[in-house]
Amino acid sequence: MDSQEKRLAARIECTKLVHIKFIDADGNVVRDVLGHIQNISKSGIRIESPLPVDTKLIMVTTLDSKGKSIGIRSVVVYCSKNESSSYILGIKFDAPEASCTKFIKAVAKASRTPIRPQAQSS
């Protein structure tokens, strides 16, 4: 999958542990791996994973600031191996805008990372 910059919205730096749930064609979770968010935007998320993702459809879940599980249905746009032998996943949210906004706010609050938009590359 191609890792070329295709993000439609400004990215926000964020550090948070997430579960990446691989979903098969029947809608069943077939694998669950841990990953780390690198950044997030209103249209998607970039995650570092120890394993490649071999399905298009995933569910990204984490805990909010109250310890409640939150998740969002997503589509893998790209998966590329990086220099540390882990994988970088470019993920597009596949949910209504209100659900995306709720997920992003919960992740930002739970990560306790100051929200600073990254500069857009040209």
Protein backbone atom coordinates (compact mmCIF):
# COMPACT_ATOMS: atom_id res chain seq x y z
CA MET A 1 0.00 0.00 0.00
CA ASP A 2 1.21 3.51 -0.79
CA SER A 3 2.35 5.80 2.08
CA GLN A 4 2.25 9.07 0.09
CA GLU A 5 0.67 12.00 1.99
CA LYS A 6 -3.05 12.05 1.24
CA ARG A 7 -4.52 13.48 4.43
CA LEU A 8 -7.39 15.89 3.95
CA ALA A 9 -7.19 17.59 7.38
CA ALA A 10 -4.49 18.98 9.69
CA ARG A 11 -2.84 16.36 11.86
CA ILE A 12 -2.62 16.57 15.65
CA GLU A 13 0.36 14.99 17.37
CA CYS A 14 -0.83 12.42 19.86
CA THR A 15 0.61 9.48 21.79
CA LYS A 16 -1.82 6.79 22.87
CA LEU A 17 -1.92 3.00 22.97
CA VAL A 18 -4.69 1.46 20.85
CA HIS A 19 -6.01 -1.95 19.88
CA ILE A 20 -6.23 -2.66 16.16
CA LYS A 21 -8.93 -5.25 15.55
CA PHE A 22 -8.70 -6.97 12.16
CA ILE A 23 -12.18 -7.60 10.72
CA ASP A 24 -12.88 -10.27 8.09
CA ALA A 25 -15.47 -10.15 5.28
CA ASP A 26 -18.13 -11.57 7.63
CA GLY A 27 -17.58 -8.80 10.21
CA ASN A 28 -15.76 -11.02 12.71
CA VAL A 29 -12.66 -9.89 14.62
CA VAL A 30 -9.89 -12.27 13.54
CA ARG A 31 -6.89 -10.63 15.24
CA ASP A 32 -6.25 -7.95 17.85
CA VAL A 33 -2.85 -6.25 18.10
CA LEU A 34 -1.59 -3.26 20.06
CA GLY A 35 -0.32 -0.14 18.32
CA HIS A 36 0.64 3.44 19.13
CA ILE A 37 -1.04 6.50 17.67
CA GLN A 38 1.44 8.87 16.03
CA ASN A 39 -1.08 11.48 14.97
CA ILE A 40 -4.78 11.94 14.38
CA SER A 41 -7.02 14.19 12.30
CA LYS A 42 -10.73 14.51 11.67
CA SER A 43 -10.42 12.16 8.69
CA GLY A 44 -8.05 9.51 10.00
CA ILE A 45 -5.21 8.33 12.14
CA ARG A 46 -1.60 7.19 11.76
CA ILE A 47 -0.60 4.22 13.92
CA GLU A 48 2.63 2.32 14.47
CA SER A 49 2.02 -1.43 14.73
CA PRO A 50 4.35 -4.38 15.41
CA LEU A 51 2.53 -6.39 12.71
CA PRO A 52 1.37 -5.62 9.19
CA VAL A 53 -2.36 -5.30 8.62
CA ASP A 54 -3.60 -7.69 5.96
CA THR A 55 -7.25 -6.62 5.95
CA LYS A 56 -8.84 -3.37 4.76
CA LEU A 57 -11.47 -3.08 7.47
CA ILE A 58 -10.44 -2.60 11.10
CA MET A 59 -11.78 -1.30 14.38
CA VAL A 60 -9.49 0.99 16.38
CA THR A 61 -10.25 0.91 20.11
CA THR A 62 -8.73 2.50 23.20
CA LEU A 63 -9.71 3.68 26.66
CA ASP A 64 -11.04 7.16 27.29
CA SER A 65 -10.01 9.27 30.31
CA LYS A 66 -12.57 7.43 32.48
CA GLY A 67 -11.32 3.97 31.48
CA LYS A 68 -14.28 3.28 29.18
CA SER A 69 -13.58 1.50 25.88
CA ILE A 70 -14.16 3.63 22.78
CA GLY A 71 -13.74 2.60 19.18
CA ILE A 72 -14.19 3.63 15.59
CA ARG A 73 -14.64 1.64 12.40
CA SER A 74 -11.84 2.41 9.95
CA VAL A 75 -10.25 1.44 6.64
CA VAL A 76 -6.53 0.83 6.13
CA VAL A 77 -5.26 3.10 3.34
CA TYR A 78 -1.63 1.99 3.53
CA CYS A 79 0.69 -0.22 5.54
CA SER A 80 4.45 0.20 5.18
CA LYS A 81 7.42 -1.20 7.06
CA ASN A 82 9.60 1.43 8.74
CA GLU A 83 13.30 1.43 9.63
CA SER A 84 12.67 -0.04 13.12
CA SER A 85 10.93 -3.12 11.61
CA SER A 86 7.49 -2.06 12.77
CA TYR A 87 4.70 -0.95 10.44
CA ILE A 88 3.15 2.44 9.83
CA LEU A 89 -0.57 2.35 9.12
CA GLY A 90 -2.45 5.12 7.38
CA ILE A 91 -6.06 4.76 8.45
CA LYS A 92 -9.20 6.53 7.26
CA PHE A 93 -12.20 6.68 9.56
CA ASP A 94 -15.28 4.90 8.17
CA ALA A 95 -17.89 6.41 10.47
CA PRO A 96 -20.21 9.43 10.64
CA GLU A 97 -18.50 12.76 11.32
CA ALA A 98 -20.06 13.03 14.80
CA SER A 99 -18.56 9.64 15.75
CA CYS A 100 -15.15 10.70 14.43
CA THR A 101 -15.24 13.94 16.42
CA LYS A 102 -16.25 12.10 19.60
CA PHE A 103 -13.43 9.56 19.15
CA ILE A 104 -10.80 12.24 18.46
CA LYS A 105 -11.81 14.31 21.50
CA ALA A 106 -11.76 11.24 23.74
CA VAL A 107 -8.31 10.19 22.47
CA ALA A 108 -6.89 13.71 22.91
CA LYS A 109 -8.26 14.04 26.43
CA ALA A 110 -7.10 10.56 27.48
CA SER A 111 -3.63 10.98 26.00
CA ARG A 112 -3.05 14.14 28.04
CA THR A 113 -0.86 15.32 25.21
CA PRO A 114 -1.07 19.03 24.38
CA ILE A 115 -2.92 19.30 21.09
CA ARG A 116 -0.65 20.99 18.55
CA PRO A 117 -1.50 20.73 14.87
CA GLN A 118 1.45 19.59 12.78
CA ALA A 119 2.57 21.78 9.92
CA GLN A 120 1.21 20.63 6.57
CA SER A 121 3.89 19.47 4.16
CA SER A 122 3.87 20.77 0.62
